[in-house]
């Protein structure tokens, strides 16, 4: 606030009735009190007080200033209480955004965070569309692919995640598996729609080696690709973190490639040091 010190001084004069009493309470010089009042009256273009030998009596404008100052003081006090609560016993909601392939790693951190902060709740959002931290859509995000370049984002590495090329046993029994580049055109492939995944090295490798008519199904998330592969619709890249033994899948090790994607832990610079984000990041670091 541009003139909060002056407003506070004038409000104190209005309550105390004299410049001397206000100066004593605020522990400033009487000349400073007079200067603050002069600044406000000049800014407002009207008198705040009627001066007399008996003291300072607020005008109607002075009474209005006192009410506004008292309200503002109460609001500042409430803001301070919220800040103290945020720094101590946490309450409220922490919003975590991630992508499907990182959910298995994020969930243990959420579990411990909730156990250590029983008054907190967590909202977990997963999906292909990245949240906008600057608009408050999440407190923290976990992303894959290239490092976020937004200057207001703090991006910390969250590990490398391996990707495999899989087919179901029913598909393999029916169609076999490719063992040579010439075999690729005779198979059906399942691809993601997410542009960030399509730009990944393994998808660029695949797209340059197979004709478009072999990309038979496109899914908007990893679980969709996973379900389609399990159903035998075709061959697809799937994160190893999502594969379970019961899925009855066959990993195609030709060509011999170690496909990986980088993951990032992302926060907004304005929220990075908030109590709930700091505590959650500590849990994530402890479990890493």
C-alpha atoms as a PDB file:
ATOM      1  CA  UNK A   1       0.000   0.000   0.000  1.00  0.00           C
ATOM      2  CA  UNK A   2       1.433   3.354  -1.059  1.00  0.00           C
ATOM      3  CA  UNK A   3       0.511   5.327   2.082  1.00  0.00           C
ATOM      4  CA  UNK A   4      -0.111   2.613   4.678  1.00  0.00           C
ATOM      5  CA  UNK A   5       2.315   4.143   7.206  1.00  0.00           C
ATOM      6  CA  UNK A   6       0.600   7.516   6.858  1.00  0.00           C
ATOM      7  CA  UNK A   7      -2.851   5.927   7.149  1.00  0.00           C
ATOM      8  CA  UNK A   8      -1.817   4.037  10.277  1.00  0.00           C
ATOM      9  CA  UNK A   9      -0.449   7.243  11.804  1.00  0.00           C
ATOM     10  CA  UNK A  10      -3.603   9.226  11.039  1.00  0.00           C
ATOM     11  CA  UNK A  11      -5.806   6.433  12.423  1.00  0.00           C
ATOM     12  CA  UNK A  12      -3.780   6.429  15.644  1.00  0.00           C
ATOM     13  CA  UNK A  13      -4.233  10.219  15.960  1.00  0.00           C
ATOM     14  CA  UNK A  14      -7.972   9.767  15.436  1.00  0.00           C
ATOM     15  CA  UNK A  15      -8.116   7.172  18.217  1.00  0.00           C
ATOM     16  CA  UNK A  16      -5.833   8.981  20.661  1.00  0.00           C
ATOM     17  CA  UNK A  17      -7.003  12.530  19.983  1.00  0.00           C
ATOM     18  CA  UNK A  18      -3.566  14.190  20.092  1.00  0.00           C
ATOM     19  CA  UNK A  19      -0.353  14.159  18.102  1.00  0.00           C
ATOM     20  CA  UNK A  20       1.712  13.566  21.233  1.00  0.00           C
ATOM     21  CA  UNK A  21      -0.269  10.473  22.273  1.00  0.00           C
ATOM     22  CA  UNK A  22      -0.071   9.038  18.755  1.00  0.00           C
ATOM     23  CA  UNK A  23       3.677   9.671  18.554  1.00  0.00           C
ATOM     24  CA  UNK A  24       4.182   7.931  21.892  1.00  0.00           C
ATOM     25  CA  UNK A  25       2.199   4.854  20.854  1.00  0.00           C
ATOM     26  CA  UNK A  26       3.891   4.587  17.466  1.00  0.00           C
ATOM     27  CA  UNK A  27       7.291   5.490  18.937  1.00  0.00           C
ATOM     28  CA  UNK A  28       7.978   8.123  16.310  1.00  0.00           C
ATOM     29  CA  UNK A  29       8.642  11.865  16.533  1.00  0.00           C
ATOM     30  CA  UNK A  30       5.741  14.350  16.671  1.00  0.00           C
ATOM     31  CA  UNK A  31       7.078  15.989  13.517  1.00  0.00           C
ATOM     32  CA  UNK A  32       6.763  12.642  11.698  1.00  0.00           C
ATOM     33  CA  UNK A  33       3.131  12.377  12.805  1.00  0.00           C
ATOM     34  CA  UNK A  34       2.377  15.850  11.483  1.00  0.00           C
ATOM     35  CA  UNK A  35       4.183  15.105   8.206  1.00  0.00           C
ATOM     36  CA  UNK A  36       2.190  11.877   7.698  1.00  0.00           C
ATOM     37  CA  UNK A  37      -1.081  13.742   8.206  1.00  0.00           C
ATOM     38  CA  UNK A  38      -0.009  16.494   5.794  1.00  0.00           C
ATOM     39  CA  UNK A  39       0.914  13.911   3.129  1.00  0.00           C
ATOM     40  CA  UNK A  40      -2.495  12.225   3.386  1.00  0.00           C
ATOM     41  CA  UNK A  41      -4.471  15.462   3.379  1.00  0.00           C
ATOM     42  CA  UNK A  42      -2.514  16.641   0.349  1.00  0.00           C
ATOM     43  CA  UNK A  43      -3.121  13.323  -1.427  1.00  0.00           C
ATOM     44  CA  UNK A  44      -6.851  13.342  -0.605  1.00  0.00           C
ATOM     45  CA  UNK A  45      -7.352  17.061  -1.135  1.00  0.00           C
ATOM     46  CA  UNK A  46      -9.355  17.429   2.087  1.00  0.00           C
ATOM     47  CA  UNK A  47      -8.865  17.794   5.838  1.00  0.00           C
ATOM     48  CA  UNK A  48      -8.817  14.748   8.084  1.00  0.00           C
ATOM     49  CA  UNK A  49      -8.918  16.642  11.385  1.00  0.00           C
ATOM     50  CA  UNK A  50     -10.220  19.790  13.007  1.00  0.00           C
ATOM     51  CA  UNK A  51      -7.324  21.192  15.023  1.00  0.00           C
ATOM     52  CA  UNK A  52      -7.849  22.920  18.348  1.00  0.00           C
ATOM     53  CA  UNK A  53      -5.995  23.511  21.601  1.00  0.00           C
ATOM     54  CA  UNK A  54      -7.802  20.498  23.034  1.00  0.00           C
ATOM     55  CA  UNK A  55      -6.542  18.110  20.346  1.00  0.00           C
ATOM     56  CA  UNK A  56      -7.416  16.683  16.936  1.00  0.00           C
ATOM     57  CA  UNK A  57     -11.044  15.852  16.143  1.00  0.00           C
ATOM     58  CA  UNK A  58     -11.615  13.715  13.034  1.00  0.00           C
ATOM     59  CA  UNK A  59     -13.711  15.152  10.236  1.00  0.00           C
ATOM     60  CA  UNK A  60     -16.171  12.880   8.458  1.00  0.00           C
ATOM     61  CA  UNK A  61     -13.322  11.942   6.137  1.00  0.00           C
ATOM     62  CA  UNK A  62     -11.130  11.266   9.180  1.00  0.00           C
ATOM     63  CA  UNK A  63     -13.807   8.964  10.639  1.00  0.00           C
ATOM     64  CA  UNK A  64     -13.997   7.105   7.314  1.00  0.00           C
ATOM     65  CA  UNK A  65     -10.217   6.726   7.271  1.00  0.00           C
ATOM     66  CA  UNK A  66     -10.288   5.304  10.809  1.00  0.00           C
ATOM     67  CA  UNK A  67     -12.899   2.689   9.831  1.00  0.00           C
ATOM     68  CA  UNK A  68     -10.937   1.684   6.735  1.00  0.00           C
ATOM     69  CA  UNK A  69      -7.684   1.528   8.692  1.00  0.00           C
ATOM     70  CA  UNK A  70      -9.248  -0.667  11.376  1.00  0.00           C
ATOM     71  CA  UNK A  71     -10.665  -3.002   8.727  1.00  0.00           C
ATOM     72  CA  UNK A  72      -7.310  -3.193   6.945  1.00  0.00           C
ATOM     73  CA  UNK A  73      -5.514  -3.867  10.225  1.00  0.00           C
ATOM     74  CA  UNK A  74      -7.913  -6.742  10.936  1.00  0.00           C
ATOM     75  CA  UNK A  75      -7.334  -8.139   7.453  1.00  0.00           C
ATOM     76  CA  UNK A  76      -3.577  -7.979   7.916  1.00  0.00           C
ATOM     77  CA  UNK A  77      -3.974  -9.769  11.243  1.00  0.00           C
ATOM     78  CA  UNK A  78      -6.040 -12.481   9.559  1.00  0.00           C
ATOM     79  CA  UNK A  79      -3.426 -12.811   6.823  1.00  0.00           C
ATOM     80  CA  UNK A  80      -0.752 -13.199   9.480  1.00  0.00           C
ATOM     81  CA  UNK A  81      -2.794 -15.913  11.235  1.00  0.00           C
ATOM     82  CA  UNK A  82      -3.127 -17.794   7.938  1.00  0.00           C
ATOM     83  CA  UNK A  83       0.610 -17.469   7.327  1.00  0.00           C
ATOM     84  CA  UNK A  84       1.382 -18.766  10.808  1.00  0.00           C
ATOM     85  CA  UNK A  85      -0.994 -21.678  10.321  1.00  0.00           C
ATOM     86  CA  UNK A  86       0.613 -22.428   6.964  1.00  0.00           C
ATOM     87  CA  UNK A  87       4.012 -22.449   8.603  1.00  0.00           C
ATOM     88  CA  UNK A  88       2.894 -24.713  11.402  1.00  0.00           C
ATOM     89  CA  UNK A  89       0.094 -27.255  11.362  1.00  0.00           C
ATOM     90  CA  UNK A  90      -0.909 -27.572   7.725  1.00  0.00           C
ATOM     91  CA  UNK A  91      -4.524 -27.565   6.612  1.00  0.00           C
ATOM     92  CA  UNK A  92      -6.173 -27.484   3.226  1.00  0.00           C
ATOM     93  CA  UNK A  93      -5.507 -29.113  -0.126  1.00  0.00           C
ATOM     94  CA  UNK A  94      -2.287 -29.850  -1.996  1.00  0.00           C
ATOM     95  CA  UNK A  95      -2.849 -30.286  -5.738  1.00  0.00           C
ATOM     96  CA  UNK A  96      -0.413 -32.592  -7.504  1.00  0.00           C
ATOM     97  CA  UNK A  97      -0.407 -32.968 -11.282  1.00  0.00           C
ATOM     98  CA  UNK A  98       1.408 -35.811 -12.992  1.00  0.00           C
ATOM     99  CA  UNK A  99       1.348 -38.093 -16.000  1.00  0.00           C
ATOM    100  CA  UNK A 100       0.159 -41.681 -15.870  1.00  0.00           C
ATOM    101  CA  UNK A 101       3.577 -43.282 -16.087  1.00  0.00           C
ATOM    102  CA  UNK A 102       4.772 -41.422 -12.968  1.00  0.00           C
ATOM    103  CA  UNK A 103       1.742 -42.193 -10.782  1.00  0.00           C
ATOM    104  CA  UNK A 104       3.311 -45.359  -9.254  1.00  0.00           C
ATOM    105  CA  UNK A 105       6.254 -43.322  -8.004  1.00  0.00           C
ATOM    106  CA  UNK A 106       4.257 -40.274  -6.876  1.00  0.00           C
ATOM    107  CA  UNK A 107       1.698 -42.230  -4.840  1.00  0.00           C
ATOM    108  CA  UNK A 108       4.121 -43.357  -2.069  1.00  0.00           C
ATOM    109  CA  UNK A 109       5.101 -39.718  -1.519  1.00  0.00           C
ATOM    110  CA  UNK A 110       1.445 -38.728  -1.276  1.00  0.00           C
ATOM    111  CA  UNK A 111       0.804 -41.564   1.180  1.00  0.00           C
ATOM    112  CA  UNK A 112       3.604 -40.437   3.503  1.00  0.00           C
ATOM    113  CA  UNK A 113       2.682 -36.758   3.162  1.00  0.00           C
ATOM    114  CA  UNK A 114      -0.904 -37.483   4.233  1.00  0.00           C
ATOM    115  CA  UNK A 115       0.281 -39.642   7.133  1.00  0.00           C
ATOM    116  CA  UNK A 116       2.544 -36.858   8.398  1.00  0.00           C
ATOM    117  CA  UNK A 117      -0.027 -34.089   7.820  1.00  0.00           C
ATOM    118  CA  UNK A 118      -3.441 -35.472   8.874  1.00  0.00           C
ATOM    119  CA  UNK A 119      -5.224 -32.136   8.338  1.00  0.00           C
ATOM    120  CA  UNK A 120      -4.195 -31.975   4.686  1.00  0.00           C
ATOM    121  CA  UNK A 121      -5.913 -33.454   1.653  1.00  0.00           C
ATOM    122  CA  UNK A 122      -4.334 -34.142  -1.734  1.00  0.00           C
ATOM    123  CA  UNK A 123      -5.918 -33.794  -5.152  1.00  0.00           C
ATOM    124  CA  UNK A 124      -4.100 -35.881  -7.766  1.00  0.00           C
ATOM    125  CA  UNK A 125      -4.588 -34.967 -11.410  1.00  0.00           C
ATOM    126  CA  UNK A 126      -3.109 -37.191 -14.114  1.00  0.00           C
ATOM    127  CA  UNK A 127      -3.481 -36.810 -17.841  1.00  0.00           C
ATOM    128  CA  UNK A 128      -1.790 -35.779 -21.067  1.00  0.00           C
ATOM    129  CA  UNK A 129      -2.590 -32.051 -20.850  1.00  0.00           C
ATOM    130  CA  UNK A 130       0.042 -30.140 -18.804  1.00  0.00           C
ATOM    131  CA  UNK A 131      -1.319 -27.911 -16.068  1.00  0.00           C
ATOM    132  CA  UNK A 132      -0.446 -24.229 -15.908  1.00  0.00           C
ATOM    133  CA  UNK A 133       1.200 -23.627 -12.571  1.00  0.00           C
ATOM    134  CA  UNK A 134       1.117 -19.861 -13.066  1.00  0.00           C
ATOM    135  CA  UNK A 135      -2.696 -20.032 -13.048  1.00  0.00           C
ATOM    136  CA  UNK A 136      -2.811 -22.051  -9.837  1.00  0.00           C
ATOM    137  CA  UNK A 137      -3.976 -25.246 -11.547  1.00  0.00           C
ATOM    138  CA  UNK A 138      -1.568 -27.258  -9.357  1.00  0.00           C
ATOM    139  CA  UNK A 139       0.902 -26.715  -6.535  1.00  0.00           C
ATOM    140  CA  UNK A 140       3.451 -29.112  -7.987  1.00  0.00           C
ATOM    141  CA  UNK A 141       3.698 -31.006 -11.270  1.00  0.00           C
ATOM    142  CA  UNK A 142       5.613 -34.053 -12.457  1.00  0.00           C
ATOM    143  CA  UNK A 143       6.336 -34.077 -16.181  1.00  0.00           C
ATOM    144  CA  UNK A 144       8.173 -36.168 -18.742  1.00  0.00           C
ATOM    145  CA  UNK A 145      10.068 -35.178 -21.849  1.00  0.00           C
ATOM    146  CA  UNK A 146      12.083 -32.044 -22.365  1.00  0.00           C
ATOM    147  CA  UNK A 147      12.896 -29.790 -19.429  1.00  0.00           C
ATOM    148  CA  UNK A 148      10.254 -27.058 -18.990  1.00  0.00           C
ATOM    149  CA  UNK A 149      11.631 -23.717 -20.167  1.00  0.00           C
ATOM    150  CA  UNK A 150       9.187 -21.297 -18.523  1.00  0.00           C
ATOM    151  CA  UNK A 151      11.375 -18.800 -16.610  1.00  0.00           C
ATOM    152  CA  UNK A 152       8.987 -18.863 -13.633  1.00  0.00           C
ATOM    153  CA  UNK A 153       9.223 -22.650 -13.285  1.00  0.00           C
ATOM    154  CA  UNK A 154      11.709 -24.457 -11.077  1.00  0.00           C
ATOM    155  CA  UNK A 155      12.376 -27.826 -12.745  1.00  0.00           C
ATOM    156  CA  UNK A 156      14.381 -30.502 -10.922  1.00  0.00           C
ATOM    157  CA  UNK A 157      15.261 -33.904 -12.457  1.00  0.00           C
ATOM    158  CA  UNK A 158      12.955 -36.697 -11.283  1.00  0.00           C
ATOM    159  CA  UNK A 159      14.814 -39.610 -12.856  1.00  0.00           C
ATOM    160  CA  UNK A 160      14.957 -41.410 -16.181  1.00  0.00           C
ATOM    161  CA  UNK A 161      12.155 -43.844 -17.026  1.00  0.00           C
ATOM    162  CA  UNK A 162      12.506 -46.777 -19.375  1.00  0.00           C
ATOM    163  CA  UNK A 163      10.125 -47.540 -22.217  1.00  0.00           C
ATOM    164  CA  UNK A 164       9.642 -50.913 -23.877  1.00  0.00           C
ATOM    165  CA  UNK A 165       8.046 -52.097 -27.104  1.00  0.00           C
ATOM    166  CA  UNK A 166       5.362 -54.639 -26.202  1.00  0.00           C
ATOM    167  CA  UNK A 167       2.777 -56.930 -27.732  1.00  0.00           C
ATOM    168  CA  UNK A 168       0.312 -59.308 -26.123  1.00  0.00           C
ATOM    169  CA  UNK A 169       0.896 -63.060 -26.338  1.00  0.00           C
ATOM    170  CA  UNK A 170      -2.325 -63.392 -28.326  1.00  0.00           C
ATOM    171  CA  UNK A 171      -1.028 -60.877 -30.869  1.00  0.00           C
ATOM    172  CA  UNK A 172       2.329 -62.665 -31.078  1.00  0.00           C
ATOM    173  CA  UNK A 173       0.603 -66.030 -31.570  1.00  0.00           C
ATOM    174  CA  UNK A 174      -1.480 -64.530 -34.383  1.00  0.00           C
ATOM    175  CA  UNK A 175       1.001 -62.216 -36.116  1.00  0.00           C
ATOM    176  CA  UNK A 176       4.463 -63.024 -34.789  1.00  0.00           C
ATOM    177  CA  UNK A 177       6.959 -60.303 -33.883  1.00  0.00           C
ATOM    178  CA  UNK A 178       9.149 -58.154 -36.130  1.00  0.00           C
ATOM    179  CA  UNK A 179      12.772 -59.285 -36.292  1.00  0.00           C
ATOM    180  CA  UNK A 180      13.945 -57.194 -39.242  1.00  0.00           C
ATOM    181  CA  UNK A 181      13.186 -53.662 -40.513  1.00  0.00           C
ATOM    182  CA  UNK A 182      11.313 -55.146 -43.466  1.00  0.00           C
ATOM    183  CA  UNK A 183       8.911 -56.846 -41.028  1.00  0.00           C
ATOM    184  CA  UNK A 184       7.631 -53.578 -39.501  1.00  0.00           C
ATOM    185  CA  UNK A 185       5.279 -52.727 -42.362  1.00  0.00           C
ATOM    186  CA  UNK A 186       3.372 -55.977 -41.868  1.00  0.00           C
ATOM    187  CA  UNK A 187       2.410 -55.208 -38.262  1.00  0.00           C
ATOM    188  CA  UNK A 188      -0.154 -52.973 -36.588  1.00  0.00           C
ATOM    189  CA  UNK A 189       1.007 -50.295 -34.144  1.00  0.00           C
ATOM    190  CA  UNK A 190      -0.650 -48.338 -31.362  1.00  0.00           C
ATOM    191  CA  UNK A 191       0.531 -44.768 -30.854  1.00  0.00           C
ATOM    192  CA  UNK A 192      -0.177 -41.971 -28.376  1.00  0.00           C
ATOM    193  CA  UNK A 193      -1.817 -38.706 -29.365  1.00  0.00           C
ATOM    194  CA  UNK A 194       0.105 -36.642 -26.803  1.00  0.00           C
ATOM    195  CA  UNK A 195       2.459 -34.387 -28.779  1.00  0.00           C
ATOM    196  CA  UNK A 196       5.112 -34.510 -26.067  1.00  0.00           C
ATOM    197  CA  UNK A 197       5.260 -38.307 -26.380  1.00  0.00           C
ATOM    198  CA  UNK A 198       5.210 -38.197 -30.182  1.00  0.00           C
ATOM    199  CA  UNK A 199       8.301 -36.003 -29.971  1.00  0.00           C
ATOM    200  CA  UNK A 200      10.130 -38.571 -27.819  1.00  0.00           C
ATOM    201  CA  UNK A 201      13.154 -40.326 -29.416  1.00  0.00           C
ATOM    202  CA  UNK A 202      11.488 -43.747 -29.472  1.00  0.00           C
ATOM    203  CA  UNK A 203       8.408 -42.402 -31.269  1.00  0.00           C
ATOM    204  CA  UNK A 204      10.556 -40.522 -33.776  1.00  0.00           C
ATOM    205  CA  UNK A 205      12.467 -43.744 -34.389  1.00  0.00           C
ATOM    206  CA  UNK A 206       9.222 -45.671 -34.965  1.00  0.00           C
ATOM    207  CA  UNK A 207       7.570 -43.052 -37.178  1.00  0.00           C
ATOM    208  CA  UNK A 208      10.535 -42.988 -39.574  1.00  0.00           C
ATOM    209  CA  UNK A 209      10.481 -46.762 -40.036  1.00  0.00           C
ATOM    210  CA  UNK A 210       6.845 -47.680 -40.521  1.00  0.00           C
ATOM    211  CA  UNK A 211       4.246 -46.455 -43.025  1.00  0.00           C
ATOM    212  CA  UNK A 212       1.322 -44.408 -41.740  1.00  0.00           C
ATOM    213  CA  UNK A 213      -1.189 -47.138 -42.546  1.00  0.00           C
ATOM    214  CA  UNK A 214       0.381 -49.405 -39.916  1.00  0.00           C
ATOM    215  CA  UNK A 215      -0.458 -46.925 -37.140  1.00  0.00           C
ATOM    216  CA  UNK A 216      -3.865 -48.457 -36.605  1.00  0.00           C
ATOM    217  CA  UNK A 217      -4.901 -46.939 -33.280  1.00  0.00           C
ATOM    218  CA  UNK A 218      -4.084 -43.667 -31.497  1.00  0.00           C
ATOM    219  CA  UNK A 219      -4.801 -43.233 -27.755  1.00  0.00           C
ATOM    220  CA  UNK A 220      -4.752 -40.065 -25.692  1.00  0.00           C
ATOM    221  CA  UNK A 221      -2.855 -41.489 -22.708  1.00  0.00           C
ATOM    222  CA  UNK A 222      -0.477 -44.278 -21.673  1.00  0.00           C
ATOM    223  CA  UNK A 223      -3.167 -46.414 -19.983  1.00  0.00           C
ATOM    224  CA  UNK A 224      -5.113 -46.340 -23.256  1.00  0.00           C
ATOM    225  CA  UNK A 225      -2.085 -47.575 -25.179  1.00  0.00           C
ATOM    226  CA  UNK A 226      -1.493 -50.169 -22.468  1.00  0.00           C
ATOM    227  CA  UNK A 227      -5.047 -51.510 -22.592  1.00  0.00           C
ATOM    228  CA  UNK A 228      -4.977 -51.681 -26.376  1.00  0.00           C
ATOM    229  CA  UNK A 229      -1.686 -53.610 -26.338  1.00  0.00           C
ATOM    230  CA  UNK A 230      -3.051 -56.024 -23.732  1.00  0.00           C
ATOM    231  CA  UNK A 231      -6.176 -56.487 -25.869  1.00  0.00           C
ATOM    232  CA  UNK A 232      -3.996 -57.559 -28.804  1.00  0.00           C
ATOM    233  CA  UNK A 233      -4.872 -54.635 -31.072  1.00  0.00           C
ATOM    234  CA  UNK A 234      -1.244 -54.079 -31.977  1.00  0.00           C
ATOM    235  CA  UNK A 235       2.294 -53.358 -30.839  1.00  0.00           C
ATOM    236  CA  UNK A 236       3.034 -50.299 -28.758  1.00  0.00           C
ATOM    237  CA  UNK A 237       5.545 -48.534 -26.570  1.00  0.00           C
ATOM    238  CA  UNK A 238       4.641 -48.807 -22.881  1.00  0.00           C
ATOM    239  CA  UNK A 239       6.492 -47.511 -19.784  1.00  0.00           C
ATOM    240  CA  UNK A 240       7.974 -50.400 -17.808  1.00  0.00           C
ATOM    241  CA  UNK A 241       6.518 -48.822 -14.650  1.00  0.00           C
ATOM    242  CA  UNK A 242       3.011 -49.642 -15.914  1.00  0.00           C
ATOM    243  CA  UNK A 243       3.697 -53.250 -16.887  1.00  0.00           C
ATOM    244  CA  UNK A 244       2.620 -56.051 -14.574  1.00  0.00           C
ATOM    245  CA  UNK A 245       3.397 -59.768 -14.897  1.00  0.00           C
ATOM    246  CA  UNK A 246      -0.298 -60.571 -15.080  1.00  0.00           C
ATOM    247  CA  UNK A 247      -0.659 -58.425 -18.201  1.00  0.00           C
ATOM    248  CA  UNK A 248       0.661 -61.365 -20.270  1.00  0.00           C
ATOM    249  CA  UNK A 249       2.831 -59.187 -22.484  1.00  0.00           C
ATOM    250  CA  UNK A 250       5.871 -59.964 -24.596  1.00  0.00           C
ATOM    251  CA  UNK A 251       8.612 -57.349 -24.806  1.00  0.00           C
ATOM    252  CA  UNK A 252      10.069 -57.016 -28.255  1.00  0.00           C
ATOM    253  CA  UNK A 253      13.800 -56.616 -27.785  1.00  0.00           C
ATOM    254  CA  UNK A 254      14.549 -56.018 -31.439  1.00  0.00           C
ATOM    255  CA  UNK A 255      16.044 -53.646 -32.192  1.00  0.00           C
ATOM    256  CA  UNK A 256      18.252 -53.612 -29.117  1.00  0.00           C
ATOM    257  CA  UNK A 257      17.393 -50.166 -27.783  1.00  0.00           C
ATOM    258  CA  UNK A 258      17.398 -48.700 -24.301  1.00  0.00           C
ATOM    259  CA  UNK A 259      14.574 -46.224 -24.663  1.00  0.00           C
ATOM    260  CA  UNK A 260      14.224 -43.711 -21.827  1.00  0.00           C
ATOM    261  CA  UNK A 261      12.394 -40.477 -21.088  1.00  0.00           C
ATOM    262  CA  UNK A 262      13.436 -37.866 -18.568  1.00  0.00           C
ATOM    263  CA  UNK A 263      11.059 -36.816 -15.807  1.00  0.00           C
ATOM    264  CA  UNK A 264      10.936 -33.461 -14.031  1.00  0.00           C
ATOM    265  CA  UNK A 265       9.592 -32.201 -10.721  1.00  0.00           C
ATOM    266  CA  UNK A 266       8.211 -28.733 -11.418  1.00  0.00           C
ATOM    267  CA  UNK A 267       7.073 -25.918  -9.123  1.00  0.00           C
ATOM    268  CA  UNK A 268       6.271 -22.260  -9.667  1.00  0.00           C
ATOM    269  CA  UNK A 269       8.797 -19.820  -8.224  1.00  0.00           C
ATOM    270  CA  UNK A 270       6.082 -18.049  -6.193  1.00  0.00           C
ATOM    271  CA  UNK A 271       4.891 -21.279  -4.537  1.00  0.00           C
ATOM    272  CA  UNK A 272       8.176 -23.153  -4.269  1.00  0.00           C
ATOM    273  CA  UNK A 273       8.772 -22.027  -0.679  1.00  0.00           C
ATOM    274  CA  UNK A 274       5.202 -22.360   0.605  1.00  0.00           C
ATOM    275  CA  UNK A 275       4.996 -24.662   3.621  1.00  0.00           C
ATOM    276  CA  UNK A 276       2.912 -27.394   2.022  1.00  0.00           C
ATOM    277  CA  UNK A 277       5.023 -27.539  -1.135  1.00  0.00           C
ATOM    278  CA  UNK A 278       8.285 -27.565   0.857  1.00  0.00           C
ATOM    279  CA  UNK A 279       7.063 -30.437   3.027  1.00  0.00           C
ATOM    280  CA  UNK A 280       5.855 -32.451   0.057  1.00  0.00           C
ATOM    281  CA  UNK A 281       9.130 -31.909  -1.802  1.00  0.00           C
ATOM    282  CA  UNK A 282      11.009 -33.086   1.280  1.00  0.00           C
ATOM    283  CA  UNK A 283       8.972 -36.284   1.307  1.00  0.00           C
ATOM    284  CA  UNK A 284       9.676 -36.802  -2.391  1.00  0.00           C
ATOM    285  CA  UNK A 285      13.405 -36.278  -1.793  1.00  0.00           C
ATOM    286  CA  UNK A 286      13.430 -38.667   1.185  1.00  0.00           C
ATOM    287  CA  UNK A 287      11.851 -41.401  -0.930  1.00  0.00           C
ATOM    288  CA  UNK A 288      14.098 -40.840  -3.948  1.00  0.00           C
END
